[in-house]
Amino acid sequence: MNTQDARYLSASLRGDSMPTVDLHTASSPGDADMQLEKALFFFVSHHEQACRVVHGIGEGVLTKMVHRVLTKNPLVEDFQLSADGGSTIVLLGSIR
């Protein structure tokens, strides 16, 4: 098992205690984008190593936006869609 796989396993074992941002409450994709960026900064500044982003399954519009933001954000080391497809697990880096 490589280091990244070990980090995903560790994150998944946290279950409900993993820091989570639920984007269902956002009133628009722009609001969801801003809410996600703020949450990522908050989690990293509180030394979290991973978080869950809940985007739902639906038509995939929110999922695509989330993955676009995560790809560009320098605080994100890696991410992967959860097994059920309704959330994404994010491995966080540090503030540089």
N, C-alpha and C. Protein backbone atom coordinates (compact mmCIF):
# COMPACT_ATOMS: atom_id res chain seq x y z
N MET A 1 0.85 -1.17 0.00
CA MET A 1 0.00 0.00 0.00
C MET A 1 0.90 1.23 0.00
N ASN A 2 0.65 2.15 -0.94
CA ASN A 2 1.45 3.36 -0.97
C ASN A 2 0.92 4.38 0.03
N THR A 3 1.65 5.46 0.21
CA THR A 3 1.30 6.47 1.21
C THR A 3 -0.06 7.09 0.94
N GLN A 4 -0.35 7.38 -0.32
CA GLN A 4 -1.62 8.00 -0.65
C GLN A 4 -2.79 7.06 -0.34
N ASP A 5 -2.65 5.79 -0.68
CA ASP A 5 -3.69 4.81 -0.35
C ASP A 5 -3.89 4.72 1.16
N ALA A 6 -2.81 4.76 1.90
CA ALA A 6 -2.89 4.71 3.37
C ALA A 6 -3.63 5.93 3.91
N ARG A 7 -3.41 7.09 3.30
CA ARG A 7 -4.10 8.31 3.76
C ARG A 7 -5.60 8.23 3.46
N TYR A 8 -5.96 7.68 2.30
CA TYR A 8 -7.39 7.50 1.99
C TYR A 8 -8.03 6.52 2.96
N LEU A 9 -7.34 5.44 3.27
CA LEU A 9 -7.86 4.46 4.22
C LEU A 9 -8.05 5.09 5.59
N SER A 10 -7.06 5.84 6.04
CA SER A 10 -7.15 6.52 7.33
C SER A 10 -8.33 7.48 7.35
N ALA A 11 -8.50 8.23 6.27
CA ALA A 11 -9.61 9.18 6.19
C ALA A 11 -10.95 8.46 6.23
N SER A 12 -11.06 7.37 5.50
CA SER A 12 -12.34 6.64 5.46
C SER A 12 -12.67 6.02 6.81
N LEU A 13 -11.67 5.65 7.58
CA LEU A 13 -11.91 5.07 8.91
C LEU A 13 -12.43 6.11 9.90
N ARG A 14 -12.20 7.39 9.61
CA ARG A 14 -12.72 8.45 10.50
C ARG A 14 -14.24 8.52 10.42
N GLY A 15 -14.79 8.11 9.31
CA GLY A 15 -16.25 8.08 9.15
C GLY A 15 -16.90 9.42 9.43
N ASP A 16 -17.85 9.43 10.36
CA ASP A 16 -18.62 10.62 10.67
C ASP A 16 -17.80 11.73 11.32
N SER A 17 -16.63 11.40 11.85
CA SER A 17 -15.83 12.44 12.50
C SER A 17 -14.98 13.23 11.49
N MET A 18 -15.02 12.84 10.22
CA MET A 18 -14.25 13.56 9.20
C MET A 18 -14.90 14.93 8.97
N PRO A 19 -14.09 16.00 8.93
CA PRO A 19 -14.66 17.31 8.63
C PRO A 19 -15.39 17.26 7.28
N THR A 20 -16.56 17.86 7.24
CA THR A 20 -17.41 17.77 6.05
C THR A 20 -17.98 19.12 5.69
N VAL A 21 -18.04 19.39 4.40
CA VAL A 21 -18.76 20.56 3.90
C VAL A 21 -19.86 20.02 2.99
N ASP A 22 -21.10 20.42 3.30
CA ASP A 22 -22.26 19.97 2.52
C ASP A 22 -22.70 21.12 1.63
N LEU A 23 -22.54 20.94 0.33
CA LEU A 23 -22.83 22.01 -0.62
C LEU A 23 -24.29 22.04 -1.06
N HIS A 24 -25.12 21.16 -0.50
CA HIS A 24 -26.55 21.18 -0.83
C HIS A 24 -27.21 22.47 -0.35
N THR A 25 -26.62 23.12 0.64
CA THR A 25 -27.21 24.34 1.19
C THR A 25 -26.93 25.57 0.34
N ALA A 26 -26.03 25.47 -0.62
CA ALA A 26 -25.68 26.61 -1.46
C ALA A 26 -26.84 26.96 -2.39
N SER A 27 -27.07 28.26 -2.56
CA SER A 27 -28.20 28.69 -3.40
C SER A 27 -27.86 28.74 -4.88
N SER A 28 -26.56 28.70 -5.22
CA SER A 28 -26.15 28.74 -6.62
C SER A 28 -24.78 28.08 -6.74
N PRO A 29 -24.38 27.70 -7.96
CA PRO A 29 -23.03 27.13 -8.14
C PRO A 29 -21.93 28.08 -7.68
N GLY A 30 -22.12 29.38 -7.88
CA GLY A 30 -21.13 30.36 -7.43
C GLY A 30 -21.00 30.36 -5.92
N ASP A 31 -22.13 30.26 -5.23
CA ASP A 31 -22.11 30.19 -3.77
C ASP A 31 -21.45 28.90 -3.30
N ALA A 32 -21.72 27.81 -4.00
CA ALA A 32 -21.10 26.52 -3.64
C ALA A 32 -19.59 26.59 -3.81
N ASP A 33 -19.15 27.22 -4.89
CA ASP A 33 -17.72 27.40 -5.16
C ASP A 33 -17.06 28.15 -4.00
N MET A 34 -17.66 29.27 -3.61
CA MET A 34 -17.11 30.10 -2.53
C MET A 34 -17.15 29.35 -1.20
N GLN A 35 -18.23 28.64 -0.94
CA GLN A 35 -18.36 27.87 0.31
C GLN A 35 -17.28 26.79 0.38
N LEU A 36 -17.00 26.14 -0.75
CA LEU A 36 -15.98 25.10 -0.79
C LEU A 36 -14.60 25.68 -0.54
N GLU A 37 -14.28 26.78 -1.21
CA GLU A 37 -12.96 27.41 -1.03
C GLU A 37 -12.74 27.81 0.44
N LYS A 38 -13.75 28.41 1.05
CA LYS A 38 -13.64 28.82 2.46
C LYS A 38 -13.46 27.60 3.37
N ALA A 39 -14.21 26.54 3.10
CA ALA A 39 -14.12 25.33 3.92
C ALA A 39 -12.74 24.70 3.82
N LEU A 40 -12.19 24.63 2.60
CA LEU A 40 -10.85 24.05 2.42
C LEU A 40 -9.82 24.83 3.23
N PHE A 41 -9.88 26.16 3.16
CA PHE A 41 -8.93 26.98 3.91
C PHE A 41 -9.12 26.76 5.42
N PHE A 42 -10.36 26.72 5.87
CA PHE A 42 -10.64 26.50 7.29
C PHE A 42 -10.07 25.17 7.76
N PHE A 43 -10.33 24.10 7.00
CA PHE A 43 -9.86 22.77 7.40
C PHE A 43 -8.33 22.71 7.45
N VAL A 44 -7.68 23.27 6.45
CA VAL A 44 -6.21 23.25 6.41
C VAL A 44 -5.65 24.09 7.55
N SER A 45 -6.25 25.26 7.80
CA SER A 45 -5.75 26.12 8.88
C SER A 45 -5.95 25.49 10.26
N HIS A 46 -6.84 24.50 10.34
CA HIS A 46 -7.04 23.76 11.59
C HIS A 46 -6.36 22.39 11.55
N HIS A 47 -5.39 22.27 10.67
CA HIS A 47 -4.50 21.11 10.57
C HIS A 47 -5.21 19.79 10.27
N GLU A 48 -6.33 19.86 9.56
CA GLU A 48 -7.00 18.64 9.12
C GLU A 48 -6.23 18.07 7.93
N GLN A 49 -6.17 16.76 7.83
CA GLN A 49 -5.45 16.12 6.73
C GLN A 49 -6.37 15.65 5.62
N ALA A 50 -7.67 15.58 5.91
CA ALA A 50 -8.63 15.14 4.91
C ALA A 50 -10.00 15.72 5.25
N CYS A 51 -10.86 15.78 4.24
CA CYS A 51 -12.24 16.21 4.46
C CYS A 51 -13.14 15.55 3.42
N ARG A 52 -14.43 15.65 3.67
CA ARG A 52 -15.43 15.13 2.74
C ARG A 52 -16.22 16.31 2.20
N VAL A 53 -16.45 16.31 0.89
CA VAL A 53 -17.29 17.32 0.26
C VAL A 53 -18.54 16.61 -0.25
N VAL A 54 -19.70 16.97 0.31
CA VAL A 54 -20.96 16.36 -0.10
C VAL A 54 -21.55 17.20 -1.22
N HIS A 55 -21.73 16.58 -2.39
CA HIS A 55 -22.28 17.29 -3.55
C HIS A 55 -23.50 16.60 -4.11
N GLY A 56 -23.81 15.41 -3.63
CA GLY A 56 -24.96 14.67 -4.13
C GLY A 56 -24.66 13.99 -5.45
N ILE A 57 -25.60 13.22 -5.91
CA ILE A 57 -25.41 12.47 -7.15
C ILE A 57 -26.03 13.24 -8.31
N GLY A 58 -27.30 13.44 -8.31
CA GLY A 58 -28.01 14.25 -9.30
C GLY A 58 -27.51 14.10 -10.73
N GLU A 59 -27.43 15.24 -11.42
CA GLU A 59 -26.99 15.26 -12.82
C GLU A 59 -25.48 15.48 -12.95
N GLY A 60 -24.81 15.68 -11.86
CA GLY A 60 -23.36 15.81 -11.89
C GLY A 60 -22.82 17.22 -12.05
N VAL A 61 -23.69 18.21 -12.11
CA VAL A 61 -23.24 19.59 -12.29
C VAL A 61 -22.39 20.04 -11.10
N LEU A 62 -22.89 19.80 -9.90
CA LEU A 62 -22.16 20.20 -8.69
C LEU A 62 -20.89 19.37 -8.53
N THR A 63 -20.95 18.09 -8.86
CA THR A 63 -19.76 17.23 -8.77
C THR A 63 -18.65 17.75 -9.68
N LYS A 64 -19.00 18.12 -10.90
CA LYS A 64 -18.00 18.63 -11.85
C LYS A 64 -17.39 19.94 -11.35
N MET A 65 -18.24 20.83 -10.78
CA MET A 65 -17.73 22.09 -10.25
C MET A 65 -16.78 21.82 -9.09
N VAL A 66 -17.16 20.90 -8.20
CA VAL A 66 -16.31 20.57 -7.04
C VAL A 66 -14.97 20.05 -7.52
N HIS A 67 -14.96 19.13 -8.45
CA HIS A 67 -13.71 18.55 -8.93
C HIS A 67 -12.86 19.58 -9.67
N ARG A 68 -13.49 20.52 -10.36
CA ARG A 68 -12.75 21.60 -11.02
C ARG A 68 -12.05 22.48 -9.97
N VAL A 69 -12.77 22.85 -8.92
CA VAL A 69 -12.19 23.67 -7.84
C VAL A 69 -11.06 22.92 -7.15
N LEU A 70 -11.28 21.64 -6.85
CA LEU A 70 -10.26 20.85 -6.15
C LEU A 70 -8.99 20.69 -6.99
N THR A 71 -9.15 20.56 -8.30
CA THR A 71 -8.00 20.41 -9.19
C THR A 71 -7.12 21.66 -9.17
N LYS A 72 -7.74 22.82 -9.05
CA LYS A 72 -7.00 24.10 -9.11
C LYS A 72 -6.50 24.59 -7.75
N ASN A 73 -7.06 24.08 -6.67
CA ASN A 73 -6.74 24.61 -5.34
C ASN A 73 -5.40 24.06 -4.84
N PRO A 74 -4.45 24.95 -4.50
CA PRO A 74 -3.12 24.50 -4.04
C PRO A 74 -3.13 23.82 -2.67
N LEU A 75 -4.22 23.92 -1.93
CA LEU A 75 -4.30 23.26 -0.62
C LEU A 75 -4.67 21.79 -0.74
N VAL A 76 -5.08 21.37 -1.94
CA VAL A 76 -5.55 20.00 -2.17
C VAL A 76 -4.42 19.16 -2.76
N GLU A 77 -4.10 18.07 -2.09
CA GLU A 77 -3.09 17.15 -2.61
C GLU A 77 -3.68 16.15 -3.58
N ASP A 78 -4.88 15.65 -3.27
CA ASP A 78 -5.53 14.67 -4.13
C ASP A 78 -6.98 14.54 -3.69
N PHE A 79 -7.80 13.94 -4.55
CA PHE A 79 -9.19 13.69 -4.19
C PHE A 79 -9.71 12.52 -5.00
N GLN A 80 -10.76 11.89 -4.45
CA GLN A 80 -11.41 10.82 -5.19
C GLN A 80 -12.88 10.75 -4.83
N LEU A 81 -13.69 10.40 -5.81
CA LEU A 81 -15.12 10.25 -5.62
C LEU A 81 -15.38 9.09 -4.68
N SER A 82 -16.32 9.28 -3.76
CA SER A 82 -16.67 8.20 -2.82
C SER A 82 -17.35 7.05 -3.57
N ALA A 83 -17.42 5.92 -2.92
CA ALA A 83 -18.01 4.73 -3.54
C ALA A 83 -19.46 4.94 -3.96
N ASP A 84 -20.22 5.72 -3.18
CA ASP A 84 -21.63 5.94 -3.53
C ASP A 84 -21.82 7.07 -4.54
N GLY A 85 -20.77 7.83 -4.83
CA GLY A 85 -20.84 8.90 -5.81
C GLY A 85 -21.44 10.20 -5.32
N GLY A 86 -21.88 10.24 -4.07
CA GLY A 86 -22.53 11.44 -3.56
C GLY A 86 -21.61 12.41 -2.85
N SER A 87 -20.35 12.03 -2.68
CA SER A 87 -19.38 12.91 -2.03
C SER A 87 -17.99 12.61 -2.56
N THR A 88 -17.07 13.49 -2.23
CA THR A 88 -15.68 13.34 -2.64
C THR A 88 -14.80 13.45 -1.41
N ILE A 89 -13.85 12.54 -1.29
CA ILE A 89 -12.87 12.57 -0.20
C ILE A 89 -11.67 13.35 -0.69
N VAL A 90 -11.22 14.31 0.11
CA VAL A 90 -10.14 15.21 -0.28
C VAL A 90 -8.97 15.04 0.69
N LEU A 91 -7.78 14.82 0.14
CA LEU A 91 -6.55 14.82 0.95
C LEU A 91 -5.99 16.23 0.90
N LEU A 92 -5.77 16.80 2.08
CA LEU A 92 -5.34 18.19 2.19
C LEU A 92 -3.84 18.29 2.44
N GLY A 93 -3.27 19.37 1.93
CA GLY A 93 -1.87 19.66 2.17
C GLY A 93 -1.75 20.65 3.31
N SER A 94 -0.84 21.59 3.16
CA SER A 94 -0.66 22.61 4.18
C SER A 94 -0.54 23.97 3.52
N ILE A 95 -0.68 24.99 4.32
CA ILE A 95 -0.55 26.36 3.81
C ILE A 95 0.92 26.65 3.63
N ARG A 96 1.29 27.04 2.44
CA ARG A 96 2.71 27.30 2.14
C ARG A 96 2.94 28.77 1.94
